[in-house]
Amino acid sequence: MQEAIRNRDFTFRLPTDGLLPGERAMQQTLNQLGETIRQQVNQNEVESWERLTRVLTHEMMNATAPITSISQSMLGRDDVKGTPLEPGIQAICDTSRHLSEFVKTYRKMSELEKPVMADVMLRPLIDDVCKAYPDLTWEVSIPKDIIVRADAGMLRQVLMNLAKNAAEAEAKKIVITPMDENRLYISNDGLPIPAENRQSLFVPFFTTKRSGSGIGLSLSRRMMIQQGGMLDLAEKPLSGCHVGFILTILIS
């Protein structure tokens, strides 16, 4: 446990089987303490990235807006049209416009609306996500009568993001099964995540994909935190899978 804490790893679980009642209670308390610290650390990290994103997007929009406006204006001038200047100014205009669109995407990190919490039937929601990805084989062992306390739209988006990532990682199947009372394993058989990337997986803008935005998982974690839950990378995926996530959710 001390080694795990030194490495900022609060996913440790001390054994509780085969102990005397007092020893078991102590181990359970330490496990709960570790979970509480882990959630607080993750929430603080998300809030820090959110503040940084807000500042960066504001400054970048302030910088690109006048460039786009001036270059568009110059492209309309008669002394620019058809001259060697036109391609260069057009390139400046296109680049600044693309950069503005890029920044708008990342504004999502700091402009999430507050969740609207309600009782949600979990299995029908998961089934809806399954229909959006028919090329994947879904193995879902969630009882049909489970009700969770969540924002249905946010929870659906989190599941969609995980499915999208799995499909892009060449997965053929996704397995969703209960881990305990309020945690789900969501695993897939796509390409494994390299060990050197695991610590950065939920960092905004981090991606190993050429066309990736690096926002999906960080945004999904923030959505879950806003709902009182959490999204983590599992230390070990389920048997037959290469990647696993743990979705902590409030049971109604």
C-alpha atoms as a PDB file:
ATOM      1  CA  MET A   1       0.000   0.000   0.000  1.00  0.00           C
ATOM      2  CA  GLN A   2       2.835   2.388   0.875  1.00  0.00           C
ATOM      3  CA  GLU A   3       4.526   1.657  -2.453  1.00  0.00           C
ATOM      4  CA  ALA A   4       1.273   2.298  -4.323  1.00  0.00           C
ATOM      5  CA  ILE A   5       0.762   5.643  -2.554  1.00  0.00           C
ATOM      6  CA  ARG A   6       4.338   6.714  -3.303  1.00  0.00           C
ATOM      7  CA  ASN A   7       3.618   6.037  -6.984  1.00  0.00           C
ATOM      8  CA  ARG A   8       0.288   7.954  -6.796  1.00  0.00           C
ATOM      9  CA  ASP A   9      -1.556   4.722  -7.542  1.00  0.00           C
ATOM     10  CA  PHE A  10      -4.737   4.677  -5.459  1.00  0.00           C
ATOM     11  CA  THR A  11      -6.270   1.700  -7.236  1.00  0.00           C
ATOM     12  CA  PHE A  12      -4.766  -0.682  -4.687  1.00  0.00           C
ATOM     13  CA  ARG A  13      -7.054  -3.184  -2.992  1.00  0.00           C
ATOM     14  CA  LEU A  14      -6.004  -4.838   0.248  1.00  0.00           C
ATOM     15  CA  PRO A  15      -7.260  -8.403   0.758  1.00  0.00           C
ATOM     16  CA  THR A  16     -10.233  -8.791   3.093  1.00  0.00           C
ATOM     17  CA  ASP A  17     -10.861 -12.537   2.917  1.00  0.00           C
ATOM     18  CA  GLY A  18      -9.813 -14.875   5.697  1.00  0.00           C
ATOM     19  CA  LEU A  19      -9.265 -12.124   8.258  1.00  0.00           C
ATOM     20  CA  LEU A  20     -10.591 -11.598  11.760  1.00  0.00           C
ATOM     21  CA  PRO A  21     -13.499  -9.124  11.991  1.00  0.00           C
ATOM     22  CA  GLY A  22     -11.314  -6.281  13.285  1.00  0.00           C
ATOM     23  CA  GLU A  23      -8.624  -6.868  10.671  1.00  0.00           C
ATOM     24  CA  ARG A  24     -11.227  -7.071   7.908  1.00  0.00           C
ATOM     25  CA  ALA A  25     -12.830  -3.800   9.018  1.00  0.00           C
ATOM     26  CA  MET A  26      -9.436  -2.064   9.003  1.00  0.00           C
ATOM     27  CA  GLN A  27      -8.567  -3.344   5.535  1.00  0.00           C
ATOM     28  CA  GLN A  28     -11.965  -2.300   4.202  1.00  0.00           C
ATOM     29  CA  THR A  29     -11.537   1.175   5.706  1.00  0.00           C
ATOM     30  CA  LEU A  30      -8.113   1.542   4.079  1.00  0.00           C
ATOM     31  CA  ASN A  31      -9.554   0.448   0.735  1.00  0.00           C
ATOM     32  CA  GLN A  32     -12.342   3.008   1.044  1.00  0.00           C
ATOM     33  CA  LEU A  33      -9.818   5.700   1.996  1.00  0.00           C
ATOM     34  CA  GLY A  34      -7.720   4.889  -1.060  1.00  0.00           C
ATOM     35  CA  GLU A  35     -10.796   5.112  -3.284  1.00  0.00           C
ATOM     36  CA  THR A  36     -11.771   8.482  -1.802  1.00  0.00           C
ATOM     37  CA  ILE A  37      -8.255   9.881  -2.318  1.00  0.00           C
ATOM     38  CA  ARG A  38      -8.150   8.536  -5.877  1.00  0.00           C
ATOM     39  CA  GLN A  39     -11.440  10.192  -6.782  1.00  0.00           C
ATOM     40  CA  GLN A  40     -10.337  13.505  -5.276  1.00  0.00           C
ATOM     41  CA  VAL A  41      -6.981  13.428  -7.091  1.00  0.00           C
ATOM     42  CA  ASN A  42      -8.686  12.655 -10.402  1.00  0.00           C
ATOM     43  CA  GLN A  43     -11.256  15.404  -9.890  1.00  0.00           C
ATOM     44  CA  ASN A  44      -8.536  17.949  -9.086  1.00  0.00           C
ATOM     45  CA  GLU A  45      -6.635  16.959 -12.223  1.00  0.00           C
ATOM     46  CA  VAL A  46      -9.757  17.332 -14.373  1.00  0.00           C
ATOM     47  CA  GLU A  47     -10.481  20.766 -12.901  1.00  0.00           C
ATOM     48  CA  SER A  48      -6.887  21.879 -13.519  1.00  0.00           C
ATOM     49  CA  TRP A  49      -7.038  20.800 -17.157  1.00  0.00           C
ATOM     50  CA  GLU A  50     -10.398  22.526 -17.489  1.00  0.00           C
ATOM     51  CA  ARG A  51      -8.981  25.855 -16.273  1.00  0.00           C
ATOM     52  CA  LEU A  52      -5.957  25.542 -18.562  1.00  0.00           C
ATOM     53  CA  THR A  53      -8.166  24.701 -21.543  1.00  0.00           C
ATOM     54  CA  ARG A  54     -10.387  27.705 -20.871  1.00  0.00           C
ATOM     55  CA  VAL A  55      -7.403  30.083 -20.863  1.00  0.00           C
ATOM     56  CA  LEU A  56      -5.753  28.548 -23.935  1.00  0.00           C
ATOM     57  CA  THR A  57      -8.900  28.531 -26.055  1.00  0.00           C
ATOM     58  CA  HIS A  58      -9.668  32.137 -25.123  1.00  0.00           C
ATOM     59  CA  GLU A  59      -6.188  33.345 -26.095  1.00  0.00           C
ATOM     60  CA  MET A  60      -6.103  31.318 -29.300  1.00  0.00           C
ATOM     61  CA  MET A  61      -9.503  32.578 -30.436  1.00  0.00           C
ATOM     62  CA  ASN A  62      -8.394  36.147 -29.769  1.00  0.00           C
ATOM     63  CA  ALA A  63      -5.313  35.553 -31.919  1.00  0.00           C
ATOM     64  CA  THR A  64      -6.934  33.759 -34.862  1.00  0.00           C
ATOM     65  CA  ALA A  65     -10.090  35.852 -35.276  1.00  0.00           C
ATOM     66  CA  PRO A  66      -8.362  38.981 -36.631  1.00  0.00           C
ATOM     67  CA  ILE A  67      -6.082  36.904 -38.880  1.00  0.00           C
ATOM     68  CA  THR A  68      -9.090  35.238 -40.481  1.00  0.00           C
ATOM     69  CA  SER A  69     -10.951  38.519 -40.863  1.00  0.00           C
ATOM     70  CA  ILE A  70      -8.021  40.441 -42.393  1.00  0.00           C
ATOM     71  CA  SER A  71      -7.037  37.648 -44.785  1.00  0.00           C
ATOM     72  CA  GLN A  72     -10.642  37.245 -45.987  1.00  0.00           C
ATOM     73  CA  SER A  73     -10.826  40.981 -46.589  1.00  0.00           C
ATOM     74  CA  MET A  74      -7.586  40.979 -48.572  1.00  0.00           C
ATOM     75  CA  LEU A  75      -8.743  38.094 -50.753  1.00  0.00           C
ATOM     76  CA  GLY A  76     -11.602  40.308 -51.943  1.00  0.00           C
ATOM     77  CA  ARG A  77      -9.328  43.109 -53.136  1.00  0.00           C
ATOM     78  CA  ASP A  78      -8.757  43.601 -56.869  1.00  0.00           C
ATOM     79  CA  ASP A  79      -5.025  44.167 -56.365  1.00  0.00           C
ATOM     80  CA  VAL A  80      -4.738  40.682 -54.777  1.00  0.00           C
ATOM     81  CA  LYS A  81      -6.971  38.568 -57.022  1.00  0.00           C
ATOM     82  CA  GLY A  82      -4.988  36.725 -59.673  1.00  0.00           C
ATOM     83  CA  THR A  83      -1.639  37.850 -58.307  1.00  0.00           C
ATOM     84  CA  PRO A  84       1.136  35.749 -56.728  1.00  0.00           C
ATOM     85  CA  LEU A  85      -0.073  37.055 -53.359  1.00  0.00           C
ATOM     86  CA  GLU A  86      -3.440  35.304 -53.566  1.00  0.00           C
ATOM     87  CA  PRO A  87      -2.307  31.674 -52.880  1.00  0.00           C
ATOM     88  CA  GLY A  88      -0.299  32.726 -49.827  1.00  0.00           C
ATOM     89  CA  ILE A  89      -3.110  34.819 -48.360  1.00  0.00           C
ATOM     90  CA  GLN A  90      -5.572  31.995 -49.089  1.00  0.00           C
ATOM     91  CA  ALA A  91      -3.315  29.585 -47.191  1.00  0.00           C
ATOM     92  CA  ILE A  92      -3.202  31.975 -44.226  1.00  0.00           C
ATOM     93  CA  CYS A  93      -6.991  32.312 -44.275  1.00  0.00           C
ATOM     94  CA  ASP A  94      -7.583  28.549 -44.492  1.00  0.00           C
ATOM     95  CA  THR A  95      -5.086  27.781 -41.725  1.00  0.00           C
ATOM     96  CA  SER A  96      -6.546  30.340 -39.331  1.00  0.00           C
ATOM     97  CA  ARG A  97     -10.065  29.094 -40.043  1.00  0.00           C
ATOM     98  CA  HIS A  98      -9.076  25.473 -39.384  1.00  0.00           C
ATOM     99  CA  LEU A  99      -7.326  26.526 -36.172  1.00  0.00           C
ATOM    100  CA  SER A 100     -10.484  28.320 -35.021  1.00  0.00           C
ATOM    101  CA  GLU A 101     -12.550  25.188 -35.636  1.00  0.00           C
ATOM    102  CA  PHE A 102      -9.937  23.150 -33.786  1.00  0.00           C
ATOM    103  CA  VAL A 103     -10.151  25.463 -30.764  1.00  0.00           C
ATOM    104  CA  LYS A 104     -13.965  25.357 -30.767  1.00  0.00           C
ATOM    105  CA  THR A 105     -13.778  21.585 -30.415  1.00  0.00           C
ATOM    106  CA  TYR A 106     -11.702  21.880 -27.254  1.00  0.00           C
ATOM    107  CA  ARG A 107     -14.055  24.422 -25.757  1.00  0.00           C
ATOM    108  CA  LYS A 108     -16.215  21.432 -24.946  1.00  0.00           C
ATOM    109  CA  MET A 109     -13.809  20.690 -22.108  1.00  0.00           C
ATOM    110  CA  SER A 110     -14.791  23.905 -20.296  1.00  0.00           C
ATOM    111  CA  GLU A 111     -18.382  24.423 -21.423  1.00  0.00           C
ATOM    112  CA  LEU A 112     -20.121  21.251 -20.282  1.00  0.00           C
ATOM    113  CA  GLU A 113     -23.584  21.918 -18.953  1.00  0.00           C
ATOM    114  CA  LYS A 114     -24.464  20.685 -15.497  1.00  0.00           C
ATOM    115  CA  PRO A 115     -25.882  17.151 -15.579  1.00  0.00           C
ATOM    116  CA  VAL A 116     -29.608  16.643 -15.222  1.00  0.00           C
ATOM    117  CA  MET A 117     -29.748  13.708 -12.853  1.00  0.00           C
ATOM    118  CA  ALA A 118     -32.628  11.249 -13.092  1.00  0.00           C
ATOM    119  CA  ASP A 119     -33.403   7.570 -12.665  1.00  0.00           C
ATOM    120  CA  VAL A 120     -32.203   5.800 -15.819  1.00  0.00           C
ATOM    121  CA  MET A 121     -32.801   2.215 -16.899  1.00  0.00           C
ATOM    122  CA  LEU A 122     -29.250   1.094 -17.605  1.00  0.00           C
ATOM    123  CA  ARG A 123     -29.810  -1.907 -19.875  1.00  0.00           C
ATOM    124  CA  PRO A 124     -32.061  -0.157 -22.447  1.00  0.00           C
ATOM    125  CA  LEU A 125     -29.537   2.694 -22.643  1.00  0.00           C
ATOM    126  CA  ILE A 126     -26.701   0.234 -23.294  1.00  0.00           C
ATOM    127  CA  ASP A 127     -28.833  -1.564 -25.877  1.00  0.00           C
ATOM    128  CA  ASP A 128     -29.321   1.733 -27.748  1.00  0.00           C
ATOM    129  CA  VAL A 129     -25.544   2.202 -27.900  1.00  0.00           C
ATOM    130  CA  CYS A 130     -25.138  -1.367 -29.174  1.00  0.00           C
ATOM    131  CA  LYS A 131     -27.448  -0.573 -32.103  1.00  0.00           C
ATOM    132  CA  ALA A 132     -25.180   2.316 -33.111  1.00  0.00           C
ATOM    133  CA  TYR A 133     -22.274  -0.112 -33.571  1.00  0.00           C
ATOM    134  CA  PRO A 134     -23.781  -3.217 -35.208  1.00  0.00           C
ATOM    135  CA  ASP A 135     -20.424  -4.364 -36.585  1.00  0.00           C
ATOM    136  CA  LEU A 136     -19.230  -5.035 -33.033  1.00  0.00           C
ATOM    137  CA  THR A 137     -20.241  -8.142 -31.120  1.00  0.00           C
ATOM    138  CA  TRP A 138     -21.706  -7.074 -27.775  1.00  0.00           C
ATOM    139  CA  GLU A 139     -21.655  -9.326 -24.713  1.00  0.00           C
ATOM    140  CA  VAL A 140     -23.750  -7.535 -22.088  1.00  0.00           C
ATOM    141  CA  SER A 141     -24.536  -9.219 -18.785  1.00  0.00           C
ATOM    142  CA  ILE A 142     -26.375  -6.337 -17.127  1.00  0.00           C
ATOM    143  CA  PRO A 143     -29.766  -7.199 -15.549  1.00  0.00           C
ATOM    144  CA  LYS A 144     -32.677  -5.497 -17.286  1.00  0.00           C
ATOM    145  CA  ASP A 145     -34.068  -4.021 -14.057  1.00  0.00           C
ATOM    146  CA  ILE A 146     -30.964  -2.074 -12.949  1.00  0.00           C
ATOM    147  CA  ILE A 147     -31.740   1.620 -12.409  1.00  0.00           C
ATOM    148  CA  VAL A 148     -28.902   4.149 -12.084  1.00  0.00           C
ATOM    149  CA  ARG A 149     -28.849   7.793 -11.080  1.00  0.00           C
ATOM    150  CA  ALA A 150     -27.337   9.663 -14.007  1.00  0.00           C
ATOM    151  CA  ASP A 151     -27.709  12.178 -16.805  1.00  0.00           C
ATOM    152  CA  ALA A 152     -28.914   9.885 -19.585  1.00  0.00           C
ATOM    153  CA  GLY A 153     -27.400  11.996 -22.372  1.00  0.00           C
ATOM    154  CA  MET A 154     -23.987  12.214 -20.735  1.00  0.00           C
ATOM    155  CA  LEU A 155     -23.915   8.533 -19.844  1.00  0.00           C
ATOM    156  CA  ARG A 156     -24.867   7.583 -23.395  1.00  0.00           C
ATOM    157  CA  GLN A 157     -22.095   9.824 -24.759  1.00  0.00           C
ATOM    158  CA  VAL A 158     -19.522   8.177 -22.491  1.00  0.00           C
ATOM    159  CA  LEU A 159     -20.543   4.715 -23.698  1.00  0.00           C
ATOM    160  CA  MET A 160     -20.520   5.919 -27.315  1.00  0.00           C
ATOM    161  CA  ASN A 161     -16.991   7.285 -26.879  1.00  0.00           C
ATOM    162  CA  LEU A 162     -15.766   3.972 -25.473  1.00  0.00           C
ATOM    163  CA  ALA A 163     -17.408   2.067 -28.338  1.00  0.00           C
ATOM    164  CA  LYS A 164     -15.953   4.460 -30.914  1.00  0.00           C
ATOM    165  CA  ASN A 165     -12.457   4.072 -29.473  1.00  0.00           C
ATOM    166  CA  ALA A 166     -12.819   0.297 -29.477  1.00  0.00           C
ATOM    167  CA  ALA A 167     -13.946   0.253 -33.120  1.00  0.00           C
ATOM    168  CA  GLU A 168     -11.041   2.507 -34.126  1.00  0.00           C
ATOM    169  CA  ALA A 169      -8.664   0.131 -32.289  1.00  0.00           C
ATOM    170  CA  GLU A 170      -9.883  -2.738 -34.514  1.00  0.00           C
ATOM    171  CA  ALA A 171     -11.980  -4.398 -31.804  1.00  0.00           C
ATOM    172  CA  LYS A 172     -14.435  -7.097 -32.814  1.00  0.00           C
ATOM    173  CA  LYS A 173     -16.299  -7.351 -29.511  1.00  0.00           C
ATOM    174  CA  ILE A 174     -17.143  -5.357 -26.406  1.00  0.00           C
ATOM    175  CA  VAL A 175     -17.918  -7.007 -23.072  1.00  0.00           C
ATOM    176  CA  ILE A 176     -19.913  -5.162 -20.393  1.00  0.00           C
ATOM    177  CA  THR A 177     -20.320  -6.892 -17.067  1.00  0.00           C
ATOM    178  CA  PRO A 178     -20.791  -5.871 -13.411  1.00  0.00           C
ATOM    179  CA  MET A 179     -17.633  -5.590 -11.324  1.00  0.00           C
ATOM    180  CA  ASP A 180     -19.446  -4.942  -8.056  1.00  0.00           C
ATOM    181  CA  GLU A 181     -22.529  -3.060  -6.878  1.00  0.00           C
ATOM    182  CA  ASN A 182     -21.798   0.226  -8.649  1.00  0.00           C
ATOM    183  CA  ARG A 183     -18.944  -0.507 -11.050  1.00  0.00           C
ATOM    184  CA  LEU A 184     -18.954  -1.935 -14.557  1.00  0.00           C
ATOM    185  CA  TYR A 185     -16.190  -3.565 -16.556  1.00  0.00           C
ATOM    186  CA  ILE A 186     -16.234  -2.382 -20.168  1.00  0.00           C
ATOM    187  CA  SER A 187     -13.626  -4.353 -22.095  1.00  0.00           C
ATOM    188  CA  ASN A 188     -12.815  -4.933 -25.760  1.00  0.00           C
ATOM    189  CA  ASP A 189     -10.451  -7.064 -27.829  1.00  0.00           C
ATOM    190  CA  GLY A 190      -8.945  -4.173 -29.782  1.00  0.00           C
ATOM    191  CA  LEU A 191      -5.297  -3.242 -29.940  1.00  0.00           C
ATOM    192  CA  PRO A 192      -3.758  -3.110 -26.436  1.00  0.00           C
ATOM    193  CA  ILE A 193      -2.712   0.230 -24.961  1.00  0.00           C
ATOM    194  CA  PRO A 194       1.104   0.495 -24.725  1.00  0.00           C
ATOM    195  CA  ALA A 195       2.365   0.704 -21.163  1.00  0.00           C
ATOM    196  CA  GLU A 196       3.996   4.093 -21.798  1.00  0.00           C
ATOM    197  CA  ASN A 197       0.619   5.602 -22.784  1.00  0.00           C
ATOM    198  CA  ARG A 198      -1.485   4.371 -19.885  1.00  0.00           C
ATOM    199  CA  GLN A 199      -0.667   7.267 -17.529  1.00  0.00           C
ATOM    200  CA  SER A 200      -1.539   9.871 -20.194  1.00  0.00           C
ATOM    201  CA  LEU A 201      -4.736   8.282 -21.429  1.00  0.00           C
ATOM    202  CA  PHE A 202      -7.084  10.782 -19.735  1.00  0.00           C
ATOM    203  CA  VAL A 203      -4.907  13.850 -20.335  1.00  0.00           C
ATOM    204  CA  PRO A 204      -6.727  16.319 -22.633  1.00  0.00           C
ATOM    205  CA  PHE A 205      -5.278  16.525 -26.166  1.00  0.00           C
ATOM    206  CA  PHE A 206      -3.222  13.332 -25.728  1.00  0.00           C
ATOM    207  CA  THR A 207      -3.748  10.935 -28.615  1.00  0.00           C
ATOM    208  CA  THR A 208      -1.811   8.327 -30.562  1.00  0.00           C
ATOM    209  CA  LYS A 209      -4.149   8.540 -33.573  1.00  0.00           C
ATOM    210  CA  ARG A 210      -3.214  10.633 -36.591  1.00  0.00           C
ATOM    211  CA  SER A 211      -6.734  12.020 -36.878  1.00  0.00           C
ATOM    212  CA  GLY A 212      -7.585  11.887 -33.159  1.00  0.00           C
ATOM    213  CA  SER A 213      -8.549  14.955 -31.170  1.00  0.00           C
ATOM    214  CA  GLY A 214      -7.410  13.638 -27.790  1.00  0.00           C
ATOM    215  CA  ILE A 215     -10.609  14.828 -26.159  1.00  0.00           C
ATOM    216  CA  GLY A 216     -12.860  11.751 -26.024  1.00  0.00           C
ATOM    217  CA  LEU A 217     -11.606   9.978 -22.900  1.00  0.00           C
ATOM    218  CA  SER A 218     -10.798  13.132 -20.929  1.00  0.00           C
ATOM    219  CA  LEU A 219     -14.251  14.501 -21.715  1.00  0.00           C
ATOM    220  CA  SER A 220     -15.851  11.168 -20.776  1.00  0.00           C
ATOM    221  CA  ARG A 221     -14.086  11.130 -17.415  1.00  0.00           C
ATOM    222  CA  ARG A 222     -15.226  14.676 -16.710  1.00  0.00           C
ATOM    223  CA  MET A 223     -18.808  13.745 -17.592  1.00  0.00           C
ATOM    224  CA  MET A 224     -18.685  10.853 -15.146  1.00  0.00           C
ATOM    225  CA  ILE A 225     -17.181  12.992 -12.371  1.00  0.00           C
ATOM    226  CA  GLN A 226     -19.963  15.548 -12.836  1.00  0.00           C
ATOM    227  CA  GLN A 227     -22.450  12.730 -12.277  1.00  0.00           C
ATOM    228  CA  GLY A 228     -20.708  11.572  -9.107  1.00  0.00           C
ATOM    229  CA  GLY A 229     -19.045   8.646 -10.866  1.00  0.00           C
ATOM    230  CA  MET A 230     -15.685   7.892 -12.458  1.00  0.00           C
ATOM    231  CA  LEU A 231     -14.076   6.396 -15.541  1.00  0.00           C
ATOM    232  CA  ASP A 232     -10.774   4.542 -15.088  1.00  0.00           C
ATOM    233  CA  LEU A 233      -8.533   2.305 -17.104  1.00  0.00           C
ATOM    234  CA  ALA A 234      -8.671  -1.204 -15.669  1.00  0.00           C
ATOM    235  CA  GLU A 235      -5.372  -2.635 -14.509  1.00  0.00           C
ATOM    236  CA  LYS A 236      -6.265  -5.911 -16.200  1.00  0.00           C
ATOM    237  CA  PRO A 237      -8.976  -6.375 -18.859  1.00  0.00           C
ATOM    238  CA  LEU A 238     -11.399  -9.263 -18.792  1.00  0.00           C
ATOM    239  CA  SER A 239     -10.284 -12.625 -20.158  1.00  0.00           C
ATOM    240  CA  GLY A 240     -10.267 -12.608 -23.953  1.00  0.00           C
ATOM    241  CA  CYS A 241      -9.944  -8.815 -24.100  1.00  0.00           C
ATOM    242  CA  HIS A 242      -6.958  -6.493 -24.453  1.00  0.00           C
ATOM    243  CA  VAL A 243      -8.316  -3.204 -23.080  1.00  0.00           C
ATOM    244  CA  GLY A 244     -10.645  -2.614 -20.143  1.00  0.00           C
ATOM    245  CA  PHE A 245     -12.277   0.355 -18.458  1.00  0.00           C
ATOM    246  CA  ILE A 246     -14.043   0.626 -15.117  1.00  0.00           C
ATOM    247  CA  LEU A 247     -17.163   2.771 -15.094  1.00  0.00           C
ATOM    248  CA  THR A 248     -18.248   3.816 -11.604  1.00  0.00           C
ATOM    249  CA  ILE A 249     -21.883   4.832 -11.545  1.00  0.00           C
ATOM    250  CA  LEU A 250     -24.500   5.721  -8.912  1.00  0.00           C
ATOM    251  CA  ILE A 251     -27.108   3.047  -8.320  1.00  0.00           C
ATOM    252  CA  SER A 252     -30.554   4.550  -7.725  1.00  0.00           C
END
